[in-house]
């Protein structure tokens, strides 16, 4: 089979030159975009490891997670792997979240949920809420993490069957 543009030797040379230039431009754009993204996220605590950083800002808070009225245990070592320790992490499964960075940073409970890889897209946000020290936060997942506070996330899944929570039978007489 003869590919389009490859039959005539003059067209073949032009076609191969065009494909070579296109591949070079694509590779150049690929590597430049990674360089720009790396430069722009150099001071983003959510994308950087803190293993070799001198972190002067350190806070901790407790977090309790409920999904469909069932308590979910937050495991130890969230945000910690062999090669990288993120700025938000847990050490044990007691619900304590630690946050560290070079300087003060407005960490949010949603940042921890992102590092934890919590499936927020599967939750019905209109029925879910975040409580800070027992009071519902109007900021939902954007509630700021503050040292010593207790956070409770109550989430309801989109496919949660609410009919099982209600008794539709008439009252017994």
N, C-alpha and C. Protein backbone atom coordinates (compact mmCIF):
# COMPACT_ATOMS: atom_id res chain seq x y z
N UNK A 1 0.84 -1.17 0.00
CA UNK A 1 0.00 0.00 0.00
C UNK A 1 0.89 1.24 0.00
N UNK A 2 0.50 2.20 -0.76
CA UNK A 2 1.23 3.47 -0.82
C UNK A 2 0.47 4.47 0.05
N UNK A 3 1.18 5.02 1.03
CA UNK A 3 0.57 6.01 1.92
C UNK A 3 0.43 7.33 1.19
N UNK A 4 -0.60 8.11 1.52
CA UNK A 4 -0.77 9.42 0.86
C UNK A 4 0.47 10.29 1.03
N UNK A 5 0.94 10.88 -0.05
CA UNK A 5 2.09 11.75 -0.01
C UNK A 5 3.42 11.02 -0.10
N UNK A 6 3.39 9.67 -0.25
CA UNK A 6 4.63 8.91 -0.27
C UNK A 6 4.92 8.28 -1.63
N UNK A 7 4.04 8.45 -2.57
CA UNK A 7 4.24 7.83 -3.88
C UNK A 7 5.31 8.54 -4.69
N UNK A 8 5.18 9.82 -4.87
CA UNK A 8 6.12 10.63 -5.64
C UNK A 8 7.32 10.97 -4.75
N UNK A 9 8.58 10.75 -5.21
CA UNK A 9 9.75 11.03 -4.38
C UNK A 9 9.83 12.49 -3.90
N UNK A 10 9.39 13.45 -4.68
CA UNK A 10 9.43 14.86 -4.27
C UNK A 10 8.43 15.10 -3.14
N UNK A 11 7.23 14.51 -3.26
CA UNK A 11 6.20 14.66 -2.22
C UNK A 11 6.62 13.90 -0.96
N UNK A 12 7.28 12.76 -1.15
CA UNK A 12 7.72 11.97 0.00
C UNK A 12 8.68 12.79 0.86
N UNK A 13 9.62 13.47 0.23
CA UNK A 13 10.60 14.27 0.96
C UNK A 13 9.90 15.39 1.73
N UNK A 14 8.94 16.07 1.11
CA UNK A 14 8.19 17.14 1.77
C UNK A 14 7.36 16.59 2.93
N UNK A 15 6.73 15.44 2.71
CA UNK A 15 5.89 14.84 3.74
C UNK A 15 6.73 14.45 4.95
N UNK A 16 7.87 13.80 4.72
CA UNK A 16 8.74 13.39 5.82
C UNK A 16 9.31 14.61 6.56
N UNK A 17 9.64 15.67 5.82
CA UNK A 17 10.14 16.89 6.44
C UNK A 17 9.06 17.50 7.33
N UNK A 18 7.83 17.55 6.81
CA UNK A 18 6.71 18.09 7.58
C UNK A 18 6.48 17.27 8.86
N UNK A 19 6.51 15.95 8.75
CA UNK A 19 6.31 15.09 9.92
C UNK A 19 7.43 15.27 10.94
N UNK A 20 8.67 15.42 10.46
CA UNK A 20 9.81 15.64 11.36
C UNK A 20 9.69 16.95 12.11
N UNK A 21 9.33 18.02 11.40
CA UNK A 21 9.17 19.33 12.04
C UNK A 21 8.02 19.29 13.04
N UNK A 22 6.91 18.64 12.68
CA UNK A 22 5.76 18.53 13.60
C UNK A 22 6.14 17.77 14.86
N UNK A 23 6.89 16.69 14.72
CA UNK A 23 7.32 15.93 15.89
C UNK A 23 8.25 16.77 16.77
N UNK A 24 9.15 17.54 16.15
CA UNK A 24 10.06 18.41 16.91
C UNK A 24 9.31 19.48 17.68
N UNK A 25 8.32 20.10 17.04
CA UNK A 25 7.52 21.13 17.72
C UNK A 25 6.73 20.50 18.87
N UNK A 26 6.15 19.34 18.66
CA UNK A 26 5.38 18.68 19.72
C UNK A 26 6.26 18.33 20.91
N UNK A 27 7.44 17.77 20.66
CA UNK A 27 8.35 17.45 21.76
C UNK A 27 8.83 18.70 22.49
N UNK A 28 9.11 19.76 21.74
CA UNK A 28 9.52 21.02 22.35
C UNK A 28 8.43 21.58 23.25
N UNK A 29 7.19 21.57 22.78
CA UNK A 29 6.07 22.07 23.59
C UNK A 29 5.88 21.21 24.83
N UNK A 30 6.06 19.92 24.69
CA UNK A 30 5.92 18.98 25.81
C UNK A 30 6.92 19.31 26.92
N UNK A 31 8.19 19.45 26.57
CA UNK A 31 9.22 19.72 27.57
C UNK A 31 9.13 21.14 28.13
N UNK A 32 8.78 22.10 27.31
CA UNK A 32 8.61 23.48 27.80
C UNK A 32 7.46 23.56 28.79
N UNK A 33 6.35 22.87 28.49
CA UNK A 33 5.21 22.92 29.40
C UNK A 33 5.56 22.33 30.76
N UNK A 34 6.32 21.24 30.80
CA UNK A 34 6.74 20.67 32.08
C UNK A 34 7.65 21.63 32.83
N UNK A 35 8.52 22.33 32.12
CA UNK A 35 9.40 23.31 32.77
C UNK A 35 8.61 24.47 33.36
N UNK A 36 7.63 24.97 32.63
CA UNK A 36 6.80 26.08 33.11
C UNK A 36 5.97 25.63 34.31
N UNK A 37 5.36 24.46 34.23
CA UNK A 37 4.55 23.95 35.34
C UNK A 37 5.43 23.73 36.57
N UNK A 38 6.61 23.18 36.39
CA UNK A 38 7.53 22.99 37.50
C UNK A 38 7.93 24.30 38.15
N UNK A 39 8.16 25.32 37.34
CA UNK A 39 8.52 26.64 37.87
C UNK A 39 7.36 27.26 38.63
N UNK A 40 6.15 27.16 38.08
CA UNK A 40 4.98 27.77 38.72
C UNK A 40 4.57 27.06 40.01
N UNK A 41 4.87 25.77 40.13
CA UNK A 41 4.47 25.02 41.33
C UNK A 41 5.62 24.81 42.31
N UNK A 42 6.72 25.54 42.12
CA UNK A 42 7.88 25.36 43.00
C UNK A 42 7.57 25.73 44.45
N UNK A 43 6.69 26.68 44.68
CA UNK A 43 6.33 27.09 46.03
C UNK A 43 4.92 26.67 46.41
N UNK A 44 4.39 25.67 45.76
CA UNK A 44 3.04 25.18 46.09
C UNK A 44 3.18 24.02 47.08
N UNK A 45 2.77 24.22 48.34
CA UNK A 45 2.97 23.18 49.34
C UNK A 45 2.18 21.90 49.06
N UNK A 46 1.18 21.97 48.21
CA UNK A 46 0.40 20.77 47.92
C UNK A 46 1.08 19.89 46.89
N UNK A 47 2.05 20.43 46.18
CA UNK A 47 2.72 19.66 45.13
C UNK A 47 4.16 19.34 45.45
N UNK A 48 4.66 19.85 46.56
CA UNK A 48 6.07 19.66 46.90
C UNK A 48 6.24 18.69 48.06
N UNK A 49 7.39 18.06 48.09
CA UNK A 49 7.76 17.20 49.21
C UNK A 49 8.47 18.05 50.25
N UNK A 50 8.31 17.70 51.52
CA UNK A 50 8.95 18.49 52.58
C UNK A 50 10.11 17.73 53.21
N UNK A 51 10.52 16.62 52.62
CA UNK A 51 11.59 15.80 53.19
C UNK A 51 12.84 16.61 53.52
N UNK A 52 13.30 17.44 52.61
CA UNK A 52 14.56 18.16 52.82
C UNK A 52 14.33 19.64 53.10
N UNK A 53 13.12 20.02 53.44
CA UNK A 53 12.82 21.43 53.72
C UNK A 53 12.89 21.71 55.21
N UNK A 54 13.26 22.92 55.54
CA UNK A 54 13.24 23.38 56.92
C UNK A 54 11.87 24.02 57.14
N UNK A 55 10.95 23.27 57.72
CA UNK A 55 9.58 23.74 57.87
C UNK A 55 9.42 24.46 59.21
N UNK A 56 9.19 25.75 59.13
CA UNK A 56 9.02 26.54 60.34
C UNK A 56 7.58 26.64 60.79
N UNK A 57 6.65 26.40 59.88
CA UNK A 57 5.23 26.48 60.18
C UNK A 57 4.67 25.08 60.34
N UNK A 58 4.19 24.76 61.55
CA UNK A 58 3.67 23.41 61.83
C UNK A 58 2.40 23.53 62.65
N UNK A 59 1.35 22.84 62.20
CA UNK A 59 0.10 22.79 62.94
C UNK A 59 -0.42 21.36 62.92
N UNK A 60 -1.36 21.09 63.82
CA UNK A 60 -2.04 19.80 63.79
C UNK A 60 -3.49 20.01 64.18
N UNK A 61 -4.35 19.16 63.67
CA UNK A 61 -5.78 19.21 63.96
C UNK A 61 -6.31 17.79 63.88
N UNK A 62 -7.46 17.57 64.47
CA UNK A 62 -8.08 16.25 64.38
C UNK A 62 -9.19 16.28 63.35
N UNK A 63 -9.39 15.14 62.71
CA UNK A 63 -10.40 15.05 61.66
C UNK A 63 -11.14 13.73 61.80
N UNK A 64 -12.44 13.84 61.80
CA UNK A 64 -13.32 12.66 61.87
C UNK A 64 -14.11 12.64 60.57
N UNK A 65 -14.18 11.49 59.92
CA UNK A 65 -14.82 11.37 58.62
C UNK A 65 -15.98 10.40 58.69
N UNK A 66 -17.14 10.86 58.25
CA UNK A 66 -18.35 10.03 58.19
C UNK A 66 -18.85 10.02 56.75
N UNK A 67 -19.16 8.83 56.24
CA UNK A 67 -19.74 8.71 54.91
C UNK A 67 -21.00 7.87 55.06
N UNK A 68 -22.13 8.44 54.67
CA UNK A 68 -23.44 7.80 54.82
C UNK A 68 -23.65 7.32 56.26
N UNK A 69 -23.33 8.19 57.20
CA UNK A 69 -23.51 7.96 58.64
C UNK A 69 -22.63 6.84 59.20
N UNK A 70 -21.64 6.39 58.43
CA UNK A 70 -20.71 5.36 58.88
C UNK A 70 -19.34 6.01 59.05
N UNK A 71 -18.71 5.74 60.20
CA UNK A 71 -17.38 6.32 60.45
C UNK A 71 -16.34 5.65 59.55
N UNK A 72 -15.51 6.46 58.94
CA UNK A 72 -14.43 5.99 58.07
C UNK A 72 -13.11 6.26 58.80
N UNK A 73 -12.32 5.23 58.97
CA UNK A 73 -11.03 5.40 59.63
C UNK A 73 -10.04 6.00 58.64
N UNK A 74 -9.41 7.05 59.07
CA UNK A 74 -8.36 7.67 58.25
C UNK A 74 -7.07 6.94 58.56
N UNK A 75 -6.47 6.31 57.57
CA UNK A 75 -5.30 5.48 57.84
C UNK A 75 -4.05 6.27 58.18
N UNK A 76 -3.09 5.59 58.74
CA UNK A 76 -1.78 6.17 59.01
C UNK A 76 -1.05 6.38 57.69
N UNK A 77 -0.12 7.29 57.68
CA UNK A 77 0.77 7.56 56.55
C UNK A 77 0.08 8.09 55.30
N UNK A 78 -1.03 8.80 55.46
CA UNK A 78 -1.61 9.52 54.33
C UNK A 78 -0.64 10.65 54.02
N UNK A 79 -0.26 10.78 52.78
CA UNK A 79 0.67 11.83 52.37
C UNK A 79 2.13 11.47 52.58
N UNK A 80 2.41 10.23 52.97
CA UNK A 80 3.79 9.80 53.19
C UNK A 80 4.07 8.56 52.34
N UNK A 81 5.12 8.63 51.55
CA UNK A 81 5.59 7.47 50.80
C UNK A 81 7.10 7.37 51.03
N UNK A 82 7.73 6.36 50.46
CA UNK A 82 9.17 6.18 50.66
C UNK A 82 9.97 7.37 50.16
N UNK A 83 9.56 7.94 49.03
CA UNK A 83 10.34 9.02 48.43
C UNK A 83 9.83 10.42 48.74
N UNK A 84 8.63 10.54 49.32
CA UNK A 84 8.07 11.88 49.50
C UNK A 84 7.15 11.96 50.71
N UNK A 85 7.33 13.03 51.46
CA UNK A 85 6.42 13.35 52.56
C UNK A 85 5.77 14.67 52.18
N UNK A 86 4.45 14.65 51.98
CA UNK A 86 3.71 15.84 51.59
C UNK A 86 3.56 16.79 52.78
N UNK A 87 3.12 18.00 52.51
CA UNK A 87 2.97 19.00 53.56
C UNK A 87 1.78 18.71 54.48
N UNK A 88 0.83 17.93 54.04
CA UNK A 88 -0.30 17.47 54.86
C UNK A 88 -0.18 15.95 54.97
N UNK A 89 -0.19 15.44 56.20
CA UNK A 89 0.01 14.00 56.36
C UNK A 89 -0.56 13.53 57.69
N UNK A 90 -0.66 12.22 57.81
CA UNK A 90 -1.02 11.59 59.09
C UNK A 90 0.12 10.65 59.47
N UNK A 91 0.27 10.43 60.76
CA UNK A 91 1.29 9.49 61.24
C UNK A 91 0.62 8.20 61.72
N UNK A 92 -0.52 8.36 62.34
CA UNK A 92 -1.26 7.20 62.85
C UNK A 92 -2.71 7.29 62.39
N UNK A 93 -3.49 6.29 62.77
CA UNK A 93 -4.89 6.26 62.35
C UNK A 93 -5.82 6.87 63.40
N UNK A 94 -5.31 7.77 64.24
CA UNK A 94 -6.13 8.39 65.28
C UNK A 94 -6.87 9.64 64.79
N UNK A 95 -6.72 10.00 63.52
CA UNK A 95 -7.43 11.15 62.96
C UNK A 95 -6.68 12.46 63.07
N UNK A 96 -5.45 12.44 63.53
CA UNK A 96 -4.67 13.67 63.64
C UNK A 96 -4.00 13.97 62.30
N UNK A 97 -4.24 15.19 61.82
CA UNK A 97 -3.65 15.67 60.57
C UNK A 97 -2.55 16.64 60.94
N UNK A 98 -1.41 16.49 60.30
CA UNK A 98 -0.29 17.40 60.51
C UNK A 98 -0.08 18.20 59.23
N UNK A 99 0.24 19.49 59.39
CA UNK A 99 0.52 20.35 58.25
C UNK A 99 1.82 21.09 58.53
N UNK A 100 2.71 21.09 57.54
CA UNK A 100 4.01 21.77 57.68
C UNK A 100 4.33 22.50 56.38
N UNK A 101 5.00 23.65 56.52
CA UNK A 101 5.49 24.37 55.36
C UNK A 101 6.54 25.37 55.81
N UNK A 102 7.23 25.98 54.85
CA UNK A 102 8.29 26.94 55.15
C UNK A 102 7.78 28.13 55.95
N UNK A 103 6.61 28.62 55.56
CA UNK A 103 6.01 29.78 56.21
C UNK A 103 4.51 29.53 56.36
N UNK A 104 3.83 30.44 57.04
CA UNK A 104 2.39 30.26 57.26
C UNK A 104 1.68 30.09 55.92
N UNK A 105 0.79 29.12 55.88
CA UNK A 105 0.03 28.84 54.67
C UNK A 105 -1.40 28.51 55.09
N UNK A 106 -2.37 28.99 54.34
CA UNK A 106 -3.77 28.73 54.65
C UNK A 106 -4.19 27.36 54.11
N UNK A 107 -3.83 26.31 54.84
CA UNK A 107 -4.27 24.98 54.46
C UNK A 107 -5.77 24.86 54.70
N UNK A 108 -6.43 24.07 53.86
CA UNK A 108 -7.86 23.84 53.99
C UNK A 108 -8.10 22.35 54.19
N UNK A 109 -9.25 22.01 54.76
CA UNK A 109 -9.58 20.60 54.96
C UNK A 109 -9.70 19.90 53.59
N UNK A 110 -10.11 20.63 52.58
CA UNK A 110 -10.19 20.08 51.23
C UNK A 110 -8.83 19.70 50.68
N UNK A 111 -7.79 20.41 51.08
CA UNK A 111 -6.44 20.04 50.65
C UNK A 111 -6.08 18.66 51.18
N UNK A 112 -6.43 18.41 52.45
CA UNK A 112 -6.16 17.08 53.00
C UNK A 112 -6.98 16.02 52.28
N UNK A 113 -8.25 16.31 52.01
CA UNK A 113 -9.08 15.33 51.29
C UNK A 113 -8.49 15.03 49.92
N UNK A 114 -7.90 16.02 49.27
CA UNK A 114 -7.27 15.82 47.96
C UNK A 114 -6.05 14.90 48.09
N UNK A 115 -5.21 15.15 49.09
CA UNK A 115 -4.03 14.30 49.30
C UNK A 115 -4.46 12.89 49.69
N UNK A 116 -5.54 12.78 50.46
CA UNK A 116 -6.08 11.49 50.89
C UNK A 116 -6.75 10.75 49.73
N UNK A 117 -6.99 11.47 48.64
CA UNK A 117 -7.68 10.93 47.46
C UNK A 117 -9.11 10.52 47.79
N UNK A 118 -9.75 11.35 48.60
CA UNK A 118 -11.15 11.12 48.96
C UNK A 118 -12.02 11.37 47.73
N UNK A 119 -12.95 10.46 47.41
CA UNK A 119 -13.75 10.59 46.19
C UNK A 119 -14.88 11.62 46.33
N UNK A 120 -14.53 12.89 46.41
CA UNK A 120 -15.51 13.95 46.61
C UNK A 120 -16.53 14.01 45.48
N UNK A 121 -16.14 13.65 44.29
CA UNK A 121 -17.06 13.68 43.14
C UNK A 121 -18.20 12.68 43.30
N UNK A 122 -18.00 11.67 44.12
CA UNK A 122 -19.06 10.68 44.36
C UNK A 122 -20.01 11.11 45.46
N UNK A 123 -19.77 12.27 46.06
CA UNK A 123 -20.58 12.73 47.18
C UNK A 123 -21.58 13.78 46.72
N UNK A 124 -22.72 13.80 47.40
CA UNK A 124 -23.74 14.82 47.15
C UNK A 124 -23.40 16.01 48.04
N UNK A 125 -22.82 17.04 47.45
CA UNK A 125 -22.35 18.17 48.23
C UNK A 125 -23.48 18.95 48.89
N UNK A 126 -24.68 18.88 48.33
CA UNK A 126 -25.80 19.61 48.95
C UNK A 126 -26.24 18.96 50.26
N UNK A 127 -25.92 17.68 50.46
CA UNK A 127 -26.29 16.98 51.68
C UNK A 127 -25.09 16.77 52.61
N UNK A 128 -23.92 17.17 52.18
CA UNK A 128 -22.70 16.96 52.96
C UNK A 128 -22.32 18.25 53.67
N UNK A 129 -21.52 18.11 54.73
CA UNK A 129 -21.11 19.30 55.47
C UNK A 129 -19.82 19.04 56.23
N UNK A 130 -19.17 20.13 56.61
CA UNK A 130 -17.96 20.09 57.43
C UNK A 130 -18.27 20.85 58.72
N UNK A 131 -17.99 20.21 59.84
CA UNK A 131 -18.16 20.85 61.15
C UNK A 131 -16.78 21.20 61.70
N UNK A 132 -16.65 22.41 62.22
CA UNK A 132 -15.40 22.84 62.85
C UNK A 132 -15.73 23.09 64.32
N UNK A 133 -15.14 22.29 65.19
CA UNK A 133 -15.42 22.35 66.63
C UNK A 133 -16.92 22.27 66.91
N UNK A 134 -17.63 21.43 66.15
CA UNK A 134 -19.06 21.20 66.36
C UNK A 134 -19.98 22.18 65.67
N UNK A 135 -19.45 23.17 64.98
CA UNK A 135 -20.26 24.17 64.29
C UNK A 135 -20.07 24.01 62.78
N UNK A 136 -21.19 23.97 62.04
CA UNK A 136 -21.09 23.79 60.59
C UNK A 136 -20.39 24.97 59.95
N UNK A 137 -19.42 24.67 59.10
CA UNK A 137 -18.65 25.70 58.42
C UNK A 137 -19.36 26.11 57.12
N UNK A 138 -19.55 27.41 56.91
CA UNK A 138 -20.15 27.85 55.65
C UNK A 138 -19.20 27.67 54.47
N UNK A 139 -17.92 27.43 54.77
CA UNK A 139 -16.91 27.29 53.72
C UNK A 139 -16.79 25.86 53.20
N UNK A 140 -17.53 24.91 53.79
CA UNK A 140 -17.51 23.50 53.41
C UNK A 140 -16.07 23.00 53.36
N UNK A 141 -15.58 22.49 52.24
CA UNK A 141 -14.22 21.91 52.20
C UNK A 141 -13.14 22.98 52.18
N UNK A 142 -13.52 24.24 52.07
CA UNK A 142 -12.55 25.33 52.09
C UNK A 142 -12.33 25.87 53.51
N UNK A 143 -12.84 25.15 54.51
CA UNK A 143 -12.61 25.56 55.90
C UNK A 143 -11.12 25.50 56.18
N UNK A 144 -10.59 26.58 56.73
CA UNK A 144 -9.16 26.68 57.01
C UNK A 144 -8.77 25.76 58.16
N UNK A 145 -7.64 25.08 58.00
CA UNK A 145 -7.10 24.26 59.08
C UNK A 145 -6.42 25.17 60.09
N UNK A 146 -6.83 25.07 61.34
CA UNK A 146 -6.22 25.85 62.40
C UNK A 146 -5.74 24.90 63.48
N UNK A 147 -4.62 25.27 64.08
CA UNK A 147 -3.98 24.42 65.08
C UNK A 147 -4.93 24.11 66.24
N UNK A 148 -5.09 22.82 66.53
CA UNK A 148 -5.89 22.38 67.67
C UNK A 148 -7.37 22.22 67.40
N UNK A 149 -7.87 22.63 66.25
CA UNK A 149 -9.29 22.49 65.97
C UNK A 149 -9.66 21.03 65.68
N UNK A 150 -10.96 20.73 65.85
CA UNK A 150 -11.49 19.41 65.52
C UNK A 150 -12.44 19.59 64.33
N UNK A 151 -12.22 18.81 63.29
CA UNK A 151 -13.02 18.88 62.07
C UNK A 151 -13.77 17.57 61.92
N UNK A 152 -15.00 17.68 61.46
CA UNK A 152 -15.79 16.48 61.21
C UNK A 152 -16.43 16.65 59.84
N UNK A 153 -16.13 15.73 58.95
CA UNK A 153 -16.72 15.74 57.62
C UNK A 153 -17.85 14.72 57.56
N UNK A 154 -19.05 15.20 57.26
CA UNK A 154 -20.20 14.32 57.11
C UNK A 154 -20.61 14.35 55.64
N UNK A 155 -20.35 13.25 54.96
CA UNK A 155 -20.61 13.18 53.53
C UNK A 155 -21.68 12.15 53.22
N UNK A 156 -22.46 12.44 52.20
CA UNK A 156 -23.51 11.54 51.73
C UNK A 156 -23.21 11.23 50.28
N UNK A 157 -23.17 9.95 49.94
CA UNK A 157 -22.87 9.57 48.57
C UNK A 157 -24.06 9.87 47.67
N UNK A 158 -23.76 10.10 46.40
CA UNK A 158 -24.82 10.42 45.44
C UNK A 158 -25.80 9.27 45.28
N UNK A 159 -25.30 8.04 45.37
CA UNK A 159 -26.19 6.89 45.17
C UNK A 159 -26.72 6.34 46.49
N UNK A 160 -26.62 7.12 47.56
CA UNK A 160 -27.13 6.67 48.85
C UNK A 160 -28.64 6.53 48.78
N UNK A 161 -29.12 5.44 49.30
CA UNK A 161 -30.57 5.18 49.29
C UNK A 161 -31.16 5.76 50.57
N UNK A 162 -31.79 6.91 50.45
CA UNK A 162 -32.36 7.54 51.64
C UNK A 162 -33.68 6.90 52.04
N UNK A 163 -34.28 6.12 51.17
CA UNK A 163 -35.55 5.48 51.50
C UNK A 163 -35.38 4.47 52.63
N UNK A 164 -34.21 3.86 52.77
CA UNK A 164 -34.01 2.86 53.80
C UNK A 164 -33.99 3.49 55.20
N UNK A 165 -33.81 4.82 55.25
CA UNK A 165 -33.78 5.50 56.55
C UNK A 165 -35.18 5.89 57.04
N UNK A 166 -36.18 5.71 56.20
CA UNK A 166 -37.53 6.13 56.57
C UNK A 166 -38.47 4.93 56.57
N UNK A 167 -39.42 5.00 57.42
CA UNK A 167 -40.44 3.96 57.48
C UNK A 167 -41.69 4.53 56.84
N UNK A 168 -42.06 3.98 55.68
CA UNK A 168 -43.21 4.49 54.96
C UNK A 168 -44.51 3.77 55.32
N UNK A 169 -44.43 2.90 56.28
CA UNK A 169 -45.65 2.20 56.71
C UNK A 169 -46.45 3.10 57.63
N UNK A 170 -47.76 2.95 57.61
CA UNK A 170 -48.56 3.78 58.53
C UNK A 170 -48.27 3.38 59.97
N UNK A 171 -48.49 4.29 60.91
CA UNK A 171 -48.24 3.96 62.31
C UNK A 171 -49.15 2.85 62.78
N UNK A 172 -48.60 2.01 63.67
CA UNK A 172 -49.41 0.91 64.19
C UNK A 172 -50.44 1.48 65.17
N UNK A 173 -51.68 0.91 65.09
CA UNK A 173 -52.70 1.38 66.01
C UNK A 173 -53.03 0.37 67.06
